[in-house]
Amino acid sequence: MYYGVEPQIASSQTGYKWSFASKTSKADSDALKAARAAVGAATYNRSPSDYMPVAGGSGRVQGPTLPSQSDLTLAREDVDVRLHTDRDLKRKRNKKEEKERVEDMVGPKEVGRDGMLEKKRARREADRSFREKGDDGFEADESTLMGGGDSFRERLAKRDAARKRVEEKKFGPREEREAATRERADVIRQKDRATMDMFMQMAKEKFG
């Protein structure tokens, strides 16, 4: 019974069936393979090397394969890294632009020796302003600071009264503050005494 000719790959049939195929040179054969690869690349949008026959194989063209799970994971990680890098660059760029806007409004910050001199000048101005005023903000002329003038004691009394009012407003009357301090001290002593009693009881139970 005749079963027909066993199907084979066209390239294999061409290699031994056609008589003129044996007369082609290796260069012609390579050129033909390159042309086939170029046509396949243009048709399926793949690299020409994907269509070149593998040495020792059947010469069958492999179709596209789906990416593996590891490839998908690497792709997601690459996207995350790119997004993180873009956010960092954007944050640095915004910070730089904000600094430039501030410098445009108030001028660049003094650095180096000029900056130190500017700080010293500002400190001297602050010290001078503090010396010209009392502790509570009232003006004190030179005679008052040196102890002269008829109203020197009156000014001192006003200063002390103002200081006392500030303290009472901030911390409460002095008597109440002292009472609160004593109360806190009593609470602390009671806690310490209770802690020592507990330790003594534990030691007694353990060692007898």
N, C-alpha and C. Protein backbone atom coordinates (compact mmCIF):
# COMPACT_ATOMS: atom_id res chain seq x y z
N MET A 1 0.86 -1.19 0.00
CA MET A 1 0.00 0.00 0.00
C MET A 1 0.89 1.23 0.00
N TYR A 2 0.52 2.25 -0.75
CA TYR A 2 1.34 3.46 -0.90
C TYR A 2 0.84 4.50 0.10
N TYR A 3 1.75 4.97 0.93
CA TYR A 3 1.38 5.95 1.95
C TYR A 3 1.80 7.35 1.57
N GLY A 4 2.35 7.56 0.43
CA GLY A 4 2.78 8.90 0.03
C GLY A 4 4.16 9.23 0.55
N VAL A 5 4.64 10.38 0.20
CA VAL A 5 5.97 10.83 0.61
C VAL A 5 5.87 11.50 1.96
N GLU A 6 6.80 11.17 2.86
CA GLU A 6 6.80 11.76 4.20
C GLU A 6 7.07 13.25 4.09
N PRO A 7 6.22 14.12 4.68
CA PRO A 7 6.44 15.57 4.56
C PRO A 7 7.71 15.97 5.27
N GLN A 8 8.45 16.84 4.66
CA GLN A 8 9.69 17.35 5.23
C GLN A 8 9.72 18.86 5.03
N ILE A 9 10.65 19.45 5.68
CA ILE A 9 10.78 20.92 5.63
C ILE A 9 11.27 21.31 4.26
N ALA A 10 10.74 22.46 3.80
CA ALA A 10 11.07 22.90 2.43
C ALA A 10 12.55 23.12 2.26
N SER A 11 13.18 23.66 3.31
CA SER A 11 14.61 23.91 3.18
C SER A 11 15.38 22.62 3.04
N SER A 12 14.94 21.53 3.76
CA SER A 12 15.64 20.25 3.64
C SER A 12 15.42 19.65 2.26
N GLN A 13 14.17 19.76 1.74
CA GLN A 13 13.91 19.25 0.39
C GLN A 13 14.76 19.99 -0.64
N THR A 14 14.83 21.30 -0.47
CA THR A 14 15.64 22.08 -1.42
C THR A 14 17.09 21.68 -1.35
N GLY A 15 17.55 21.30 -0.16
CA GLY A 15 18.97 20.99 0.00
C GLY A 15 19.40 19.76 -0.77
N TYR A 16 18.49 18.81 -1.01
CA TYR A 16 18.97 17.59 -1.68
C TYR A 16 18.13 17.19 -2.89
N LYS A 17 16.94 17.88 -3.08
CA LYS A 17 16.06 17.41 -4.14
C LYS A 17 16.33 18.11 -5.46
N TRP A 18 16.51 19.47 -5.37
CA TRP A 18 16.70 20.22 -6.60
C TRP A 18 18.15 20.13 -7.05
N SER A 19 18.31 19.90 -8.32
CA SER A 19 19.66 19.68 -8.83
C SER A 19 20.47 20.95 -8.87
N PHE A 20 19.80 22.13 -9.10
CA PHE A 20 20.59 23.36 -9.23
C PHE A 20 21.00 23.89 -7.86
N ALA A 21 20.37 23.36 -6.76
CA ALA A 21 20.70 23.88 -5.43
C ALA A 21 22.12 23.54 -5.05
N SER A 22 22.64 22.42 -5.51
CA SER A 22 24.01 22.03 -5.17
C SER A 22 25.04 22.91 -5.85
N LYS A 23 24.63 23.64 -6.90
CA LYS A 23 25.58 24.48 -7.62
C LYS A 23 25.72 25.86 -6.99
N THR A 24 24.84 26.21 -6.04
CA THR A 24 24.94 27.54 -5.42
C THR A 24 26.12 27.55 -4.45
N SER A 25 26.73 28.70 -4.35
CA SER A 25 27.88 28.85 -3.46
C SER A 25 27.41 29.12 -2.04
N LYS A 26 28.35 29.07 -1.10
CA LYS A 26 28.01 29.34 0.30
C LYS A 26 27.57 30.79 0.49
N ALA A 27 28.19 31.71 -0.25
CA ALA A 27 27.81 33.12 -0.15
C ALA A 27 26.37 33.33 -0.59
N ASP A 28 25.99 32.62 -1.72
CA ASP A 28 24.61 32.74 -2.18
C ASP A 28 23.64 32.17 -1.15
N SER A 29 24.03 31.07 -0.54
CA SER A 29 23.18 30.46 0.48
C SER A 29 23.00 31.36 1.68
N ASP A 30 24.11 31.99 2.13
CA ASP A 30 24.02 32.92 3.26
C ASP A 30 23.17 34.12 2.92
N ALA A 31 23.30 34.62 1.69
CA ALA A 31 22.50 35.77 1.27
C ALA A 31 21.03 35.42 1.27
N LEU A 32 20.70 34.19 0.80
CA LEU A 32 19.32 33.76 0.78
C LEU A 32 18.75 33.65 2.20
N LYS A 33 19.55 33.13 3.12
CA LYS A 33 19.11 33.03 4.51
C LYS A 33 18.90 34.40 5.11
N ALA A 34 19.81 35.34 4.82
CA ALA A 34 19.67 36.69 5.35
C ALA A 34 18.42 37.36 4.81
N ALA A 35 18.12 37.13 3.53
CA ALA A 35 16.91 37.72 2.94
C ALA A 35 15.67 37.16 3.61
N ARG A 36 15.65 35.84 3.85
CA ARG A 36 14.51 35.25 4.53
C ARG A 36 14.34 35.83 5.95
N ALA A 37 15.46 36.01 6.64
CA ALA A 37 15.40 36.57 7.99
C ALA A 37 14.88 37.99 7.97
N ALA A 38 15.30 38.78 6.97
CA ALA A 38 14.84 40.17 6.87
C ALA A 38 13.35 40.22 6.60
N VAL A 39 12.86 39.34 5.73
CA VAL A 39 11.43 39.30 5.43
C VAL A 39 10.64 38.92 6.68
N GLY A 40 11.15 37.94 7.42
CA GLY A 40 10.46 37.54 8.65
C GLY A 40 10.46 38.65 9.69
N ALA A 41 11.57 39.39 9.79
CA ALA A 41 11.64 40.48 10.75
C ALA A 41 10.67 41.58 10.40
N ALA A 42 10.56 41.90 9.10
CA ALA A 42 9.63 42.95 8.67
C ALA A 42 8.19 42.51 8.85
N THR A 43 7.93 41.23 8.72
CA THR A 43 6.55 40.73 8.82
C THR A 43 6.08 40.62 10.26
N TYR A 44 6.94 40.08 11.14
CA TYR A 44 6.52 39.81 12.51
C TYR A 44 7.15 40.76 13.53
N ASN A 45 7.89 41.79 13.04
CA ASN A 45 8.50 42.79 13.92
C ASN A 45 9.40 42.15 14.97
N ARG A 46 10.27 41.25 14.52
CA ARG A 46 11.22 40.59 15.39
C ARG A 46 12.61 40.75 14.82
N SER A 47 13.60 40.45 15.66
CA SER A 47 14.98 40.57 15.22
C SER A 47 15.29 39.53 14.14
N PRO A 48 16.07 39.91 13.12
CA PRO A 48 16.42 38.93 12.07
C PRO A 48 17.13 37.71 12.61
N SER A 49 17.87 37.88 13.73
CA SER A 49 18.58 36.72 14.29
C SER A 49 17.63 35.66 14.80
N ASP A 50 16.37 36.06 15.12
CA ASP A 50 15.41 35.07 15.61
C ASP A 50 14.99 34.10 14.52
N TYR A 51 15.19 34.49 13.25
CA TYR A 51 14.75 33.65 12.14
C TYR A 51 15.89 32.88 11.48
N MET A 52 17.11 33.09 11.98
CA MET A 52 18.24 32.36 11.42
C MET A 52 18.22 30.95 11.97
N PRO A 53 18.50 29.95 11.17
CA PRO A 53 18.47 28.56 11.64
C PRO A 53 19.58 28.31 12.63
N VAL A 54 19.29 27.48 13.62
CA VAL A 54 20.26 27.14 14.65
C VAL A 54 21.09 25.96 14.16
N ALA A 55 22.41 26.05 14.41
CA ALA A 55 23.31 24.98 13.97
C ALA A 55 22.96 23.68 14.66
N GLY A 56 22.84 22.60 13.87
CA GLY A 56 22.54 21.29 14.42
C GLY A 56 21.06 21.05 14.62
N GLY A 57 20.21 22.07 14.38
CA GLY A 57 18.78 21.91 14.59
C GLY A 57 18.08 21.60 13.28
N SER A 58 16.76 21.65 13.34
CA SER A 58 15.97 21.33 12.16
C SER A 58 15.77 22.52 11.26
N GLY A 59 16.18 23.73 11.72
CA GLY A 59 15.98 24.93 10.93
C GLY A 59 14.59 25.48 11.05
N ARG A 60 13.77 24.97 11.96
CA ARG A 60 12.39 25.42 12.12
C ARG A 60 12.38 26.77 12.82
N VAL A 61 11.58 27.71 12.34
CA VAL A 61 11.50 29.06 12.91
C VAL A 61 10.67 29.00 14.19
N GLN A 62 11.22 29.57 15.28
CA GLN A 62 10.52 29.59 16.55
C GLN A 62 9.64 30.82 16.62
N GLY A 63 8.41 30.64 17.05
CA GLY A 63 7.49 31.75 17.18
C GLY A 63 7.74 32.54 18.46
N PRO A 64 7.05 33.65 18.64
CA PRO A 64 7.24 34.47 19.85
C PRO A 64 6.75 33.73 21.09
N THR A 65 7.44 33.96 22.21
CA THR A 65 7.09 33.31 23.47
C THR A 65 6.60 34.35 24.47
N LEU A 66 5.74 33.92 25.41
CA LEU A 66 5.24 34.81 26.45
C LEU A 66 6.31 35.06 27.49
N PRO A 67 6.35 36.29 28.10
CA PRO A 67 7.35 36.56 29.14
C PRO A 67 7.07 35.73 30.38
N SER A 68 8.14 35.33 31.05
CA SER A 68 8.00 34.53 32.26
C SER A 68 7.63 35.42 33.44
N GLN A 69 7.33 34.77 34.58
CA GLN A 69 6.97 35.52 35.78
C GLN A 69 8.13 36.36 36.28
N SER A 70 9.34 35.83 36.17
CA SER A 70 10.52 36.60 36.59
C SER A 70 10.71 37.83 35.70
N ASP A 71 10.44 37.68 34.39
CA ASP A 71 10.55 38.83 33.50
C ASP A 71 9.54 39.91 33.87
N LEU A 72 8.32 39.51 34.21
CA LEU A 72 7.31 40.48 34.61
C LEU A 72 7.70 41.17 35.91
N THR A 73 8.26 40.39 36.86
CA THR A 73 8.69 40.99 38.13
C THR A 73 9.80 42.01 37.91
N LEU A 74 10.78 41.65 37.09
CA LEU A 74 11.87 42.58 36.79
C LEU A 74 11.34 43.83 36.10
N ALA A 75 10.37 43.67 35.22
CA ALA A 75 9.81 44.83 34.53
C ALA A 75 9.11 45.76 35.51
N ARG A 76 8.33 45.17 36.46
CA ARG A 76 7.66 46.01 37.45
C ARG A 76 8.67 46.72 38.34
N GLU A 77 9.72 46.01 38.76
CA GLU A 77 10.74 46.64 39.60
C GLU A 77 11.43 47.78 38.85
N ASP A 78 11.68 47.58 37.57
CA ASP A 78 12.30 48.63 36.77
C ASP A 78 11.40 49.86 36.69
N VAL A 79 10.10 49.64 36.55
CA VAL A 79 9.16 50.77 36.51
C VAL A 79 9.14 51.50 37.86
N ASP A 80 9.16 50.73 38.97
CA ASP A 80 9.16 51.35 40.30
C ASP A 80 10.41 52.19 40.50
N VAL A 81 11.56 51.67 40.09
CA VAL A 81 12.82 52.42 40.24
C VAL A 81 12.77 53.70 39.42
N ARG A 82 12.26 53.61 38.22
CA ARG A 82 12.17 54.80 37.37
C ARG A 82 11.25 55.85 37.99
N LEU A 83 10.10 55.42 38.52
CA LEU A 83 9.18 56.36 39.15
C LEU A 83 9.81 57.00 40.38
N HIS A 84 10.50 56.20 41.21
CA HIS A 84 11.15 56.73 42.41
C HIS A 84 12.23 57.75 42.03
N THR A 85 13.01 57.44 41.01
CA THR A 85 14.04 58.36 40.56
C THR A 85 13.43 59.66 40.04
N ASP A 86 12.35 59.54 39.28
CA ASP A 86 11.69 60.74 38.76
C ASP A 86 11.15 61.60 39.90
N ARG A 87 10.59 60.97 40.94
CA ARG A 87 10.08 61.75 42.07
C ARG A 87 11.21 62.48 42.79
N ASP A 88 12.36 61.80 42.99
CA ASP A 88 13.49 62.45 43.65
C ASP A 88 13.98 63.64 42.84
N LEU A 89 14.10 63.45 41.54
CA LEU A 89 14.57 64.55 40.69
C LEU A 89 13.59 65.72 40.73
N LYS A 90 12.30 65.42 40.70
CA LYS A 90 11.30 66.48 40.74
C LYS A 90 11.34 67.22 42.06
N ARG A 91 11.51 66.48 43.20
CA ARG A 91 11.58 67.12 44.50
C ARG A 91 12.81 68.02 44.61
N LYS A 92 13.96 67.54 44.12
CA LYS A 92 15.17 68.36 44.16
C LYS A 92 15.02 69.60 43.29
N ARG A 93 14.39 69.42 42.13
CA ARG A 93 14.20 70.56 41.24
C ARG A 93 13.27 71.60 41.86
N ASN A 94 12.20 71.15 42.52
CA ASN A 94 11.30 72.09 43.18
C ASN A 94 11.99 72.81 44.33
N LYS A 95 12.82 72.09 45.08
CA LYS A 95 13.55 72.71 46.19
C LYS A 95 14.52 73.77 45.68
N LYS A 96 15.20 73.46 44.58
CA LYS A 96 16.13 74.43 44.01
C LYS A 96 15.39 75.66 43.50
N GLU A 97 14.24 75.45 42.84
CA GLU A 97 13.47 76.58 42.34
C GLU A 97 12.94 77.44 43.48
N GLU A 98 12.52 76.81 44.59
CA GLU A 98 12.04 77.56 45.74
C GLU A 98 13.17 78.40 46.34
N LYS A 99 14.36 77.82 46.43
CA LYS A 99 15.51 78.56 46.95
C LYS A 99 15.84 79.74 46.07
N GLU A 100 15.77 79.56 44.76
CA GLU A 100 16.04 80.65 43.84
C GLU A 100 15.00 81.76 43.97
N ARG A 101 13.73 81.39 44.19
CA ARG A 101 12.69 82.41 44.37
C ARG A 101 12.93 83.22 45.63
N VAL A 102 13.34 82.53 46.73
CA VAL A 102 13.62 83.25 47.98
C VAL A 102 14.80 84.19 47.80
N GLU A 103 15.84 83.73 47.12
CA GLU A 103 17.00 84.58 46.89
C GLU A 103 16.66 85.77 46.01
N ASP A 104 15.73 85.58 45.08
CA ASP A 104 15.31 86.70 44.24
C ASP A 104 14.60 87.77 45.07
N MET A 105 13.87 87.34 46.12
CA MET A 105 13.13 88.30 46.93
C MET A 105 14.00 88.97 47.99
N VAL A 106 14.84 88.19 48.69
CA VAL A 106 15.62 88.75 49.80
C VAL A 106 17.10 88.82 49.51
N GLY A 107 17.53 88.30 48.39
CA GLY A 107 18.95 88.31 48.06
C GLY A 107 19.63 87.05 48.54
N PRO A 108 20.79 86.73 47.98
CA PRO A 108 21.49 85.50 48.38
C PRO A 108 22.00 85.58 49.81
N LYS A 109 22.10 84.43 50.46
CA LYS A 109 22.57 84.36 51.83
C LYS A 109 24.07 84.61 51.89
N GLU A 110 24.46 85.41 52.89
CA GLU A 110 25.88 85.71 53.07
C GLU A 110 26.61 84.44 53.51
N VAL A 111 27.74 84.17 52.93
CA VAL A 111 28.53 82.99 53.27
C VAL A 111 29.96 83.42 53.58
N GLY A 112 30.67 82.53 54.26
CA GLY A 112 32.08 82.79 54.53
C GLY A 112 32.28 83.92 55.51
N ARG A 113 33.32 84.71 55.29
CA ARG A 113 33.69 85.80 56.20
C ARG A 113 32.61 86.88 56.24
N ASP A 114 32.02 87.19 55.08
CA ASP A 114 30.96 88.20 55.06
C ASP A 114 29.76 87.77 55.90
N GLY A 115 29.43 86.48 55.84
CA GLY A 115 28.32 85.99 56.65
C GLY A 115 28.61 86.10 58.14
N MET A 116 29.83 85.78 58.57
CA MET A 116 30.19 85.89 59.98
C MET A 116 30.14 87.34 60.44
N LEU A 117 30.63 88.26 59.62
CA LEU A 117 30.58 89.68 59.99
C LEU A 117 29.15 90.17 60.11
N GLU A 118 28.29 89.71 59.20
CA GLU A 118 26.88 90.12 59.27
C GLU A 118 26.23 89.60 60.54
N LYS A 119 26.55 88.36 60.95
CA LYS A 119 26.00 87.83 62.20
C LYS A 119 26.49 88.62 63.41
N LYS A 120 27.77 89.01 63.40
CA LYS A 120 28.31 89.79 64.52
C LYS A 120 27.62 91.15 64.60
N ARG A 121 27.39 91.77 63.43
CA ARG A 121 26.72 93.07 63.44
C ARG A 121 25.29 92.93 63.99
N ALA A 122 24.59 91.89 63.57
CA ALA A 122 23.24 91.68 64.07
C ALA A 122 23.23 91.41 65.57
N ARG A 123 24.23 90.68 66.09
CA ARG A 123 24.31 90.40 67.51
C ARG A 123 24.59 91.68 68.31
N ARG A 124 25.47 92.52 67.78
CA ARG A 124 25.77 93.78 68.46
C ARG A 124 24.53 94.67 68.52
N GLU A 125 23.78 94.71 67.42
CA GLU A 125 22.56 95.51 67.40
C GLU A 125 21.56 94.99 68.43
N ALA A 126 21.44 93.67 68.54
CA ALA A 126 20.51 93.10 69.51
C ALA A 126 20.95 93.39 70.94
N ASP A 127 22.26 93.29 71.21
CA ASP A 127 22.76 93.58 72.56
C ASP A 127 22.56 95.05 72.91
N ARG A 128 22.79 95.92 71.94
CA ARG A 128 22.60 97.35 72.19
C ARG A 128 21.14 97.66 72.47
N SER A 129 20.24 97.03 71.72
CA SER A 129 18.82 97.25 71.95
C SER A 129 18.40 96.73 73.31
N PHE A 130 18.98 95.60 73.73
CA PHE A 130 18.64 95.04 75.04
C PHE A 130 19.15 95.93 76.17
N ARG A 131 20.35 96.50 76.00
CA ARG A 131 20.90 97.37 77.04
C ARG A 131 20.11 98.65 77.17
N GLU A 132 19.58 99.14 76.05
CA GLU A 132 18.82 100.38 76.09
C GLU A 132 17.43 100.20 76.68
N LYS A 133 17.00 98.95 76.87
CA LYS A 133 15.70 98.66 77.46
C LYS A 133 15.89 97.86 78.74
N GLY A 134 14.90 97.93 79.62
CA GLY A 134 14.96 97.15 80.84
C GLY A 134 14.65 95.70 80.55
N ASP A 135 14.67 94.88 81.59
CA ASP A 135 14.40 93.46 81.43
C ASP A 135 12.99 93.21 80.93
N ASP A 136 12.04 94.13 81.28
CA ASP A 136 10.65 93.92 80.90
C ASP A 136 10.24 94.81 79.74
N GLY A 137 11.19 95.41 79.08
CA GLY A 137 10.89 96.11 77.85
C GLY A 137 10.72 97.61 77.98
N PHE A 138 10.82 98.22 79.19
CA PHE A 138 10.65 99.66 79.26
C PHE A 138 11.99 100.33 78.98
N GLU A 139 11.92 101.55 78.46
CA GLU A 139 13.11 102.28 78.07
C GLU A 139 13.88 102.72 79.31
N ALA A 140 15.20 102.63 79.24
CA ALA A 140 16.06 103.07 80.35
C ALA A 140 17.17 103.92 79.79
N ASP A 141 17.19 105.19 80.18
CA ASP A 141 18.24 106.06 79.68
C ASP A 141 19.53 105.82 80.43
N GLU A 142 20.55 106.55 80.06
CA GLU A 142 21.89 106.31 80.63
C GLU A 142 21.93 106.65 82.10
N SER A 143 21.25 107.73 82.51
CA SER A 143 21.27 108.12 83.92
C SER A 143 20.61 107.06 84.80
N THR A 144 19.56 106.44 84.28
CA THR A 144 18.90 105.39 85.04
C THR A 144 19.79 104.17 85.17
N LEU A 145 20.45 103.81 84.07
CA LEU A 145 21.33 102.65 84.12
C LEU A 145 22.51 102.88 85.05
N MET A 146 22.99 104.11 85.15
CA MET A 146 24.14 104.42 86.00
C MET A 146 23.73 104.71 87.43
N GLY A 147 22.45 104.73 87.73
CA GLY A 147 22.01 104.93 89.11
C GLY A 147 21.65 106.36 89.44
N GLY A 148 21.60 107.27 88.48
CA GLY A 148 21.27 108.66 88.74
C GLY A 148 19.81 108.94 88.53
N GLY A 149 19.38 110.14 88.88
CA GLY A 149 18.00 110.55 88.67
C GLY A 149 17.15 110.33 89.91
N ASP A 150 16.12 111.19 90.06
CA ASP A 150 15.26 111.12 91.24
C ASP A 150 14.33 109.91 91.20
N SER A 151 13.98 109.45 90.01
CA SER A 151 12.99 108.37 89.90
C SER A 151 13.64 107.00 89.71
N PHE A 152 14.91 106.88 90.11
CA PHE A 152 15.61 105.62 89.90
C PHE A 152 14.95 104.48 90.68
N ARG A 153 14.70 104.74 91.98
CA ARG A 153 14.09 103.69 92.80
C ARG A 153 12.67 103.39 92.34
N GLU A 154 11.98 104.41 91.91
CA GLU A 154 10.63 104.18 91.40
C GLU A 154 10.64 103.30 90.16
N ARG A 155 11.60 103.55 89.29
CA ARG A 155 11.73 102.72 88.08
C ARG A 155 12.07 101.28 88.45
N LEU A 156 12.97 101.11 89.42
CA LEU A 156 13.30 99.76 89.85
C LEU A 156 12.08 99.05 90.43
N ALA A 157 11.29 99.77 91.20
CA ALA A 157 10.09 99.17 91.78
C ALA A 157 9.10 98.77 90.68
N LYS A 158 8.95 99.64 89.68
CA LYS A 158 8.07 99.31 88.57
C LYS A 158 8.57 98.08 87.80
N ARG A 159 9.90 98.04 87.64
CA ARG A 159 10.45 96.89 86.93
C ARG A 159 10.20 95.59 87.68
N ASP A 160 10.44 95.63 89.02
CA ASP A 160 10.21 94.43 89.82
C ASP A 160 8.73 94.04 89.82
N ALA A 161 7.85 95.05 89.88
CA ALA A 161 6.42 94.75 89.86
C ALA A 161 6.01 94.15 88.52
N ALA A 162 6.56 94.71 87.45
CA ALA A 162 6.24 94.18 86.13
C ALA A 162 6.74 92.75 85.98
N ARG A 163 7.94 92.49 86.48
CA ARG A 163 8.49 91.14 86.41
C ARG A 163 7.62 90.17 87.21
N LYS A 164 7.15 90.61 88.39
CA LYS A 164 6.32 89.75 89.21
C LYS A 164 5.00 89.45 88.51
N ARG A 165 4.42 90.49 87.85
CA ARG A 165 3.17 90.26 87.14
C ARG A 165 3.35 89.26 86.00
N VAL A 166 4.48 89.38 85.31
CA VAL A 166 4.74 88.45 84.21
C VAL A 166 4.87 87.03 84.73
N GLU A 167 5.59 86.85 85.85
CA GLU A 167 5.77 85.52 86.42
C GLU A 167 4.43 84.95 86.90
N GLU A 168 3.62 85.79 87.55
CA GLU A 168 2.33 85.30 88.04
C GLU A 168 1.39 84.96 86.89
N LYS A 169 1.48 85.76 85.83
CA LYS A 169 0.63 85.47 84.67
C LYS A 169 1.05 84.18 83.99
N LYS A 170 2.35 83.91 84.00
CA LYS A 170 2.86 82.74 83.31
C LYS A 170 2.79 81.49 84.17
N PHE A 171 3.15 81.64 85.46
CA PHE A 171 3.25 80.46 86.33
C PHE A 171 2.22 80.47 87.47
N GLY A 172 1.47 81.56 87.65
CA GLY A 172 0.55 81.66 88.76
C GLY A 172 1.21 82.38 89.94
N PRO A 173 0.43 82.70 90.99
CA PRO A 173 1.01 83.37 92.17
C PRO A 173 2.13 82.55 92.79
N ARG A 174 3.03 83.25 93.45
CA ARG A 174 4.21 82.58 94.01
C ARG A 174 3.81 81.55 95.06
N GLU A 175 2.83 81.90 95.90
CA GLU A 175 2.42 80.96 96.93
C GLU A 175 1.85 79.68 96.31
N GLU A 176 1.07 79.84 95.25
CA GLU A 176 0.51 78.66 94.59
C GLU A 176 1.60 77.82 93.95
N ARG A 177 2.59 78.49 93.36
CA ARG A 177 3.69 77.73 92.74
C ARG A 177 4.48 76.96 93.78
N GLU A 178 4.73 77.60 94.93
CA GLU A 178 5.47 76.90 95.99
C GLU A 178 4.65 75.73 96.53
N ALA A 179 3.34 75.94 96.67
CA ALA A 179 2.50 74.85 97.17
C ALA A 179 2.46 73.69 96.17
N ALA A 180 2.39 74.03 94.87
CA ALA A 180 2.39 72.97 93.85
C ALA A 180 3.72 72.22 93.86
N THR A 181 4.82 72.96 94.08
CA THR A 181 6.13 72.31 94.12
C THR A 181 6.22 71.36 95.31
N ARG A 182 5.73 71.81 96.48
CA ARG A 182 5.76 70.94 97.65
C ARG A 182 4.87 69.71 97.44
N GLU A 183 3.73 69.91 96.80
CA GLU A 183 2.84 68.78 96.55
C GLU A 183 3.48 67.75 95.63
N ARG A 184 4.15 68.23 94.57
CA ARG A 184 4.83 67.30 93.68
C ARG A 184 5.94 66.55 94.40
N ALA A 185 6.67 67.26 95.28
CA ALA A 185 7.74 66.61 96.03
C ALA A 185 7.17 65.53 96.96
N ASP A 186 6.02 65.83 97.61
CA ASP A 186 5.39 64.83 98.49
C ASP A 186 4.96 63.60 97.70
N VAL A 187 4.40 63.82 96.50
CA VAL A 187 3.97 62.68 95.68
C VAL A 187 5.16 61.82 95.29
N ILE A 188 6.27 62.47 94.93
CA ILE A 188 7.47 61.72 94.54
C ILE A 188 8.00 60.90 95.72
N ARG A 189 8.01 61.53 96.92
CA ARG A 189 8.50 60.80 98.10
C ARG A 189 7.60 59.62 98.42
N GLN A 190 6.30 59.80 98.29
CA GLN A 190 5.39 58.69 98.55
C GLN A 190 5.60 57.54 97.56
N LYS A 191 5.82 57.87 96.29
CA LYS A 191 6.08 56.83 95.31
C LYS A 191 7.38 56.10 95.62
N ASP A 192 8.41 56.86 96.00
CA ASP A 192 9.69 56.22 96.35
C ASP A 192 9.53 55.31 97.56
N ARG A 193 8.76 55.77 98.55
CA ARG A 193 8.56 54.96 99.75
C ARG A 193 7.79 53.67 99.41
N ALA A 194 6.78 53.80 98.55
CA ALA A 194 6.02 52.61 98.16
C ALA A 194 6.89 51.63 97.37
N THR A 195 7.76 52.18 96.53
CA THR A 195 8.65 51.31 95.76
C THR A 195 9.62 50.57 96.66
N MET A 196 10.20 51.26 97.64
CA MET A 196 11.12 50.62 98.58
C MET A 196 10.40 49.56 99.41
N ASP A 197 9.17 49.86 99.84
CA ASP A 197 8.42 48.87 100.61
C ASP A 197 8.17 47.62 99.77
N MET A 198 7.87 47.80 98.49
CA MET A 198 7.63 46.66 97.62
C MET A 198 8.89 45.82 97.47
N PHE A 199 10.04 46.49 97.28
CA PHE A 199 11.30 45.75 97.16
C PHE A 199 11.63 45.01 98.45
N MET A 200 11.39 45.65 99.58
CA MET A 200 11.65 44.99 100.86
C MET A 200 10.76 43.76 101.03
N GLN A 201 9.50 43.88 100.64
CA GLN A 201 8.59 42.75 100.76
C GLN A 201 9.02 41.61 99.84
N MET A 202 9.45 41.93 98.60
CA MET A 202 9.91 40.90 97.68
C MET A 202 11.16 40.22 98.21
N ALA A 203 12.09 40.99 98.77
CA ALA A 203 13.30 40.39 99.31
C ALA A 203 12.99 39.50 100.51
N LYS A 204 12.03 39.94 101.33
CA LYS A 204 11.67 39.14 102.50
C LYS A 204 11.03 37.82 102.09
N GLU A 205 10.17 37.87 101.06
CA GLU A 205 9.53 36.64 100.60
C GLU A 205 10.53 35.68 99.95
N LYS A 206 11.56 36.23 99.31
CA LYS A 206 12.52 35.39 98.60
C LYS A 206 13.59 34.82 99.52
N PHE A 207 14.09 35.66 100.42
CA PHE A 207 15.22 35.23 101.26
C PHE A 207 14.81 34.96 102.70
N GLY A 208 13.59 35.30 103.10
CA GLY A 208 13.15 35.04 104.45
C GLY A 208 13.61 36.09 105.45
